[in-house]
Amino acid sequence: MNKLVGATSTPLASIFGSGFLVIVPILAGAVGAYSVVAMVAVCALAIAVGSVIRFNIKHAEP
């Protein structure tokens, strides 16, 4: 189980890191001084979407 967690979380962390590297300059150009607030909103949206996906997997998937 430990190897599975490592094999899954390492690529996932890489994807998240790449996403942050891309979204931060876009937000800085789009909203300027409010980019920190916008990044918090992006993270909150990601958490909400993840919660919905986890709920659906737990309750709707066979």
PDB file of N, CA and C in Angstrom:
ATOM      1  N   MET A   1       0.822  -1.196   0.000  1.00  0.00           N
ATOM      2  CA  MET A   1       0.000   0.000   0.000  1.00  0.00           C
ATOM      3  C   MET A   1       0.866   1.260   0.000  1.00  0.00           C
ATOM      4  N   ASN A   2       1.975   1.237   0.724  1.00  0.00           N
ATOM      5  CA  ASN A   2       2.853   2.392   0.796  1.00  0.00           C
ATOM      6  C   ASN A   2       3.431   2.756  -0.566  1.00  0.00           C
ATOM      7  N   LYS A   3       3.815   1.740  -1.353  1.00  0.00           N
ATOM      8  CA  LYS A   3       4.352   2.000  -2.687  1.00  0.00           C
ATOM      9  C   LYS A   3       3.280   2.594  -3.592  1.00  0.00           C
ATOM     10  N   LEU A   4       2.033   2.123  -3.430  1.00  0.00           N
ATOM     11  CA  LEU A   4       0.933   2.639  -4.235  1.00  0.00           C
ATOM     12  C   LEU A   4       0.695   4.117  -3.948  1.00  0.00           C
ATOM     13  N   VAL A   5       0.729   4.488  -2.684  1.00  0.00           N
ATOM     14  CA  VAL A   5       0.518   5.890  -2.319  1.00  0.00           C
ATOM     15  C   VAL A   5       1.629   6.755  -2.906  1.00  0.00           C
ATOM     16  N   GLY A   6       2.860   6.308  -2.799  1.00  0.00           N
ATOM     17  CA  GLY A   6       3.977   7.061  -3.363  1.00  0.00           C
ATOM     18  C   GLY A   6       3.907   7.160  -4.872  1.00  0.00           C
ATOM     19  N   ALA A   7       3.519   6.064  -5.516  1.00  0.00           N
ATOM     20  CA  ALA A   7       3.430   6.053  -6.976  1.00  0.00           C
ATOM     21  C   ALA A   7       2.280   6.918  -7.472  1.00  0.00           C
ATOM     22  N   THR A   8       1.275   7.093  -6.648  1.00  0.00           N
ATOM     23  CA  THR A   8       0.129   7.909  -7.047  1.00  0.00           C
ATOM     24  C   THR A   8       0.337   9.375  -6.710  1.00  0.00           C
ATOM     25  N   SER A   9       0.867   9.650  -5.532  1.00  0.00           N
ATOM     26  CA  SER A   9       0.958  11.038  -5.093  1.00  0.00           C
ATOM     27  C   SER A   9       2.089  11.809  -5.762  1.00  0.00           C
ATOM     28  N   THR A  10       3.153  11.142  -6.165  1.00  0.00           N
ATOM     29  CA  THR A  10       4.258  11.852  -6.805  1.00  0.00           C
ATOM     30  C   THR A  10       3.848  12.462  -8.141  1.00  0.00           C
ATOM     31  N   PRO A  11       3.231  11.705  -9.065  1.00  0.00           N
ATOM     32  CA  PRO A  11       2.787  12.344 -10.314  1.00  0.00           C
ATOM     33  C   PRO A  11       1.700  13.392 -10.078  1.00  0.00           C
ATOM     34  N   LEU A  12       0.834  13.151  -9.105  1.00  0.00           N
ATOM     35  CA  LEU A  12      -0.225  14.104  -8.806  1.00  0.00           C
ATOM     36  C   LEU A  12       0.366  15.420  -8.306  1.00  0.00           C
ATOM     37  N   ALA A  13       1.368  15.343  -7.459  1.00  0.00           N
ATOM     38  CA  ALA A  13       2.037  16.548  -6.967  1.00  0.00           C
ATOM     39  C   ALA A  13       2.713  17.293  -8.110  1.00  0.00           C
ATOM     40  N   SER A  14       3.262  16.564  -9.054  1.00  0.00           N
ATOM     41  CA  SER A  14       3.891  17.188 -10.216  1.00  0.00           C
ATOM     42  C   SER A  14       2.866  17.933 -11.060  1.00  0.00           C
ATOM     43  N   ILE A  15       1.696  17.339 -11.237  1.00  0.00           N
ATOM     44  CA  ILE A  15       0.632  17.988 -12.008  1.00  0.00           C
ATOM     45  C   ILE A  15       0.169  19.259 -11.301  1.00  0.00           C
ATOM     46  N   PHE A  16      -0.031  19.181  -9.978  1.00  0.00           N
ATOM     47  CA  PHE A  16      -0.443  20.365  -9.227  1.00  0.00           C
ATOM     48  C   PHE A  16       0.618  21.459  -9.312  1.00  0.00           C
ATOM     49  N   GLY A  17       1.870  21.087  -9.159  1.00  0.00           N
ATOM     50  CA  GLY A  17       2.949  22.068  -9.232  1.00  0.00           C
ATOM     51  C   GLY A  17       2.999  22.755 -10.576  1.00  0.00           C
ATOM     52  N   SER A  18       2.845  21.990 -11.637  1.00  0.00           N
ATOM     53  CA  SER A  18       2.838  22.569 -12.979  1.00  0.00           C
ATOM     54  C   SER A  18       1.646  23.502 -13.156  1.00  0.00           C
ATOM     55  N   GLY A  19       0.513  23.104 -12.611  1.00  0.00           N
ATOM     56  CA  GLY A  19      -0.674  23.957 -12.702  1.00  0.00           C
ATOM     57  C   GLY A  19      -0.469  25.290 -12.007  1.00  0.00           C
ATOM     58  N   PHE A  20       0.139  25.266 -10.830  1.00  0.00           N
ATOM     59  CA  PHE A  20       0.399  26.511 -10.120  1.00  0.00           C
ATOM     60  C   PHE A  20       1.402  27.375 -10.873  1.00  0.00           C
ATOM     61  N   LEU A  21       2.406  26.755 -11.485  1.00  0.00           N
ATOM     62  CA  LEU A  21       3.380  27.525 -12.253  1.00  0.00           C
ATOM     63  C   LEU A  21       2.731  28.227 -13.435  1.00  0.00           C
ATOM     64  N   VAL A  22       1.692  27.633 -13.988  1.00  0.00           N
ATOM     65  CA  VAL A  22       1.008  28.227 -15.135  1.00  0.00           C
ATOM     66  C   VAL A  22      -0.014  29.270 -14.690  1.00  0.00           C
ATOM     67  N   ILE A  23      -0.796  28.966 -13.661  1.00  0.00           N
ATOM     68  CA  ILE A  23      -1.920  29.833 -13.290  1.00  0.00           C
ATOM     69  C   ILE A  23      -1.486  31.120 -12.594  1.00  0.00           C
ATOM     70  N   VAL A  24      -0.397  31.101 -11.853  1.00  0.00           N
ATOM     71  CA  VAL A  24       0.008  32.295 -11.099  1.00  0.00           C
ATOM     72  C   VAL A  24       0.328  33.472 -12.020  1.00  0.00           C
ATOM     73  N   PRO A  25       1.148  33.314 -13.069  1.00  0.00           N
ATOM     74  CA  PRO A  25       1.386  34.462 -13.953  1.00  0.00           C
ATOM     75  C   PRO A  25       0.123  34.918 -14.691  1.00  0.00           C
ATOM     76  N   ILE A  26      -0.753  33.970 -15.027  1.00  0.00           N
ATOM     77  CA  ILE A  26      -2.006  34.339 -15.694  1.00  0.00           C
ATOM     78  C   ILE A  26      -2.860  35.187 -14.759  1.00  0.00           C
ATOM     79  N   LEU A  27      -2.977  34.753 -13.507  1.00  0.00           N
ATOM     80  CA  LEU A  27      -3.749  35.532 -12.537  1.00  0.00           C
ATOM     81  C   LEU A  27      -3.114  36.892 -12.276  1.00  0.00           C
ATOM     82  N   ALA A  28      -1.804  36.934 -12.193  1.00  0.00           N
ATOM     83  CA  ALA A  28      -1.119  38.206 -11.955  1.00  0.00           C
ATOM     84  C   ALA A  28      -1.405  39.189 -13.086  1.00  0.00           C
ATOM     85  N   GLY A  29      -1.416  38.696 -14.317  1.00  0.00           N
ATOM     86  CA  GLY A  29      -1.726  39.568 -15.447  1.00  0.00           C
ATOM     87  C   GLY A  29      -3.189  39.943 -15.519  1.00  0.00           C
ATOM     88  N   ALA A  30      -4.059  39.043 -15.102  1.00  0.00           N
ATOM     89  CA  ALA A  30      -5.496  39.281 -15.232  1.00  0.00           C
ATOM     90  C   ALA A  30      -6.064  40.149 -14.113  1.00  0.00           C
ATOM     91  N   VAL A  31      -5.632  39.917 -12.884  1.00  0.00           N
ATOM     92  CA  VAL A  31      -6.238  40.631 -11.755  1.00  0.00           C
ATOM     93  C   VAL A  31      -5.245  41.470 -10.961  1.00  0.00           C
ATOM     94  N   GLY A  32      -3.992  41.439 -11.336  1.00  0.00           N
ATOM     95  CA  GLY A  32      -2.991  42.300 -10.716  1.00  0.00           C
ATOM     96  C   GLY A  32      -2.819  42.079  -9.229  1.00  0.00           C
ATOM     97  N   ALA A  33      -3.087  43.115  -8.467  1.00  0.00           N
ATOM     98  CA  ALA A  33      -2.853  43.076  -7.021  1.00  0.00           C
ATOM     99  C   ALA A  33      -3.765  42.086  -6.302  1.00  0.00           C
ATOM    100  N   TYR A  34      -4.842  41.687  -6.945  1.00  0.00           N
ATOM    101  CA  TYR A  34      -5.771  40.738  -6.331  1.00  0.00           C
ATOM    102  C   TYR A  34      -5.434  39.290  -6.678  1.00  0.00           C
ATOM    103  N   SER A  35      -4.244  39.058  -7.191  1.00  0.00           N
ATOM    104  CA  SER A  35      -3.884  37.700  -7.616  1.00  0.00           C
ATOM    105  C   SER A  35      -3.835  36.718  -6.444  1.00  0.00           C
ATOM    106  N   VAL A  36      -3.472  37.188  -5.260  1.00  0.00           N
ATOM    107  CA  VAL A  36      -3.455  36.295  -4.094  1.00  0.00           C
ATOM    108  C   VAL A  36      -4.879  35.859  -3.755  1.00  0.00           C
ATOM    109  N   VAL A  37      -5.808  36.798  -3.788  1.00  0.00           N
ATOM    110  CA  VAL A  37      -7.215  36.474  -3.525  1.00  0.00           C
ATOM    111  C   VAL A  37      -7.739  35.529  -4.602  1.00  0.00           C
ATOM    112  N   ALA A  38      -7.371  35.786  -5.851  1.00  0.00           N
ATOM    113  CA  ALA A  38      -7.804  34.922  -6.951  1.00  0.00           C
ATOM    114  C   ALA A  38      -7.221  33.519  -6.800  1.00  0.00           C
ATOM    115  N   MET A  39      -5.983  33.411  -6.330  1.00  0.00           N
ATOM    116  CA  MET A  39      -5.372  32.095  -6.136  1.00  0.00           C
ATOM    117  C   MET A  39      -6.083  31.338  -5.023  1.00  0.00           C
ATOM    118  N   VAL A  40      -6.474  32.033  -3.975  1.00  0.00           N
ATOM    119  CA  VAL A  40      -7.253  31.400  -2.904  1.00  0.00           C
ATOM    120  C   VAL A  40      -8.581  30.898  -3.467  1.00  0.00           C
ATOM    121  N   ALA A  41      -9.200  31.683  -4.340  1.00  0.00           N
ATOM    122  CA  ALA A  41     -10.461  31.264  -4.962  1.00  0.00           C
ATOM    123  C   ALA A  41     -10.257  30.040  -5.847  1.00  0.00           C
ATOM    124  N   VAL A  42      -9.165  30.006  -6.596  1.00  0.00           N
ATOM    125  CA  VAL A  42      -8.858  28.839  -7.435  1.00  0.00           C
ATOM    126  C   VAL A  42      -8.671  27.601  -6.558  1.00  0.00           C
ATOM    127  N   CYS A  43      -7.946  27.745  -5.456  1.00  0.00           N
ATOM    128  CA  CYS A  43      -7.736  26.610  -4.545  1.00  0.00           C
ATOM    129  C   CYS A  43      -9.049  26.155  -3.918  1.00  0.00           C
ATOM    130  N   ALA A  44      -9.899  27.104  -3.526  1.00  0.00           N
ATOM    131  CA  ALA A  44     -11.200  26.748  -2.949  1.00  0.00           C
ATOM    132  C   ALA A  44     -12.059  26.011  -3.971  1.00  0.00           C
ATOM    133  N   LEU A  45     -12.025  26.464  -5.212  1.00  0.00           N
ATOM    134  CA  LEU A  45     -12.771  25.783  -6.271  1.00  0.00           C
ATOM    135  C   LEU A  45     -12.245  24.367  -6.476  1.00  0.00           C
ATOM    136  N   ALA A  46     -10.927  24.207  -6.452  1.00  0.00           N
ATOM    137  CA  ALA A  46     -10.337  22.875  -6.618  1.00  0.00           C
ATOM    138  C   ALA A  46     -10.735  21.947  -5.472  1.00  0.00           C
ATOM    139  N   ILE A  47     -10.758  22.471  -4.257  1.00  0.00           N
ATOM    140  CA  ILE A  47     -11.173  21.664  -3.105  1.00  0.00           C
ATOM    141  C   ILE A  47     -12.637  21.265  -3.244  1.00  0.00           C
ATOM    142  N   ALA A  48     -13.482  22.204  -3.687  1.00  0.00           N
ATOM    143  CA  ALA A  48     -14.909  21.906  -3.851  1.00  0.00           C
ATOM    144  C   ALA A  48     -15.132  20.844  -4.922  1.00  0.00           C
ATOM    145  N   VAL A  49     -14.451  20.972  -6.045  1.00  0.00           N
ATOM    146  CA  VAL A  49     -14.586  19.978  -7.117  1.00  0.00           C
ATOM    147  C   VAL A  49     -14.093  18.617  -6.630  1.00  0.00           C
ATOM    148  N   GLY A  50     -12.980  18.595  -5.917  1.00  0.00           N
ATOM    149  CA  GLY A  50     -12.466  17.343  -5.369  1.00  0.00           C
ATOM    150  C   GLY A  50     -13.438  16.700  -4.395  1.00  0.00           C
ATOM    151  N   SER A  51     -14.104  17.524  -3.593  1.00  0.00           N
ATOM    152  CA  SER A  51     -15.095  16.991  -2.651  1.00  0.00           C
ATOM    153  C   SER A  51     -16.264  16.346  -3.382  1.00  0.00           C
ATOM    154  N   VAL A  52     -16.712  16.987  -4.446  1.00  0.00           N
ATOM    155  CA  VAL A  52     -17.810  16.423  -5.237  1.00  0.00           C
ATOM    156  C   VAL A  52     -17.390  15.097  -5.866  1.00  0.00           C
ATOM    157  N   ILE A  53     -16.194  15.053  -6.406  1.00  0.00           N
ATOM    158  CA  ILE A  53     -15.704  13.818  -7.034  1.00  0.00           C
ATOM    159  C   ILE A  53     -15.583  12.707  -5.998  1.00  0.00           C
ATOM    160  N   ARG A  54     -15.003  13.024  -4.826  1.00  0.00           N
ATOM    161  CA  ARG A  54     -14.883  12.008  -3.775  1.00  0.00           C
ATOM    162  C   ARG A  54     -16.247  11.519  -3.306  1.00  0.00           C
ATOM    163  N   PHE A  55     -17.202  12.428  -3.153  1.00  0.00           N
ATOM    164  CA  PHE A  55     -18.551  12.044  -2.744  1.00  0.00           C
ATOM    165  C   PHE A  55     -19.174  11.110  -3.776  1.00  0.00           C
ATOM    166  N   ASN A  56     -19.048  11.467  -5.054  1.00  0.00           N
ATOM    167  CA  ASN A  56     -19.624  10.628  -6.106  1.00  0.00           C
ATOM    168  C   ASN A  56     -18.968   9.257  -6.157  1.00  0.00           C
ATOM    169  N   ILE A  57     -17.673   9.201  -5.977  1.00  0.00           N
ATOM    170  CA  ILE A  57     -16.987   7.905  -5.983  1.00  0.00           C
ATOM    171  C   ILE A  57     -17.462   7.064  -4.805  1.00  0.00           C
ATOM    172  N   LYS A  58     -17.600   7.687  -3.648  1.00  0.00           N
ATOM    173  CA  LYS A  58     -17.991   6.941  -2.447  1.00  0.00           C
ATOM    174  C   LYS A  58     -19.441   6.472  -2.499  1.00  0.00           C
ATOM    175  N   HIS A  59     -20.339   7.295  -3.030  1.00  0.00           N
ATOM    176  CA  HIS A  59     -21.766   6.995  -2.938  1.00  0.00           C
ATOM    177  C   HIS A  59     -22.400   6.512  -4.240  1.00  0.00           C
ATOM    178  N   ALA A  60     -21.834   6.833  -5.376  1.00  0.00           N
ATOM    179  CA  ALA A  60     -22.501   6.502  -6.639  1.00  0.00           C
ATOM    180  C   ALA A  60     -21.806   5.398  -7.423  1.00  0.00           C
ATOM    181  N   GLU A  61     -20.515   5.250  -7.231  1.00  0.00           N
ATOM    182  CA  GLU A  61     -19.793   4.221  -7.983  1.00  0.00           C
ATOM    183  C   GLU A  61     -20.083   2.846  -7.396  1.00  0.00           C
ATOM    184  N   PRO A  62     -20.179   1.860  -8.261  1.00  0.00           N
ATOM    185  CA  PRO A  62     -20.445   0.497  -7.752  1.00  0.00           C
ATOM    186  C   PRO A  62     -19.267  -0.099  -7.007  1.00  0.00           C
TER     187      PRO A  62
END
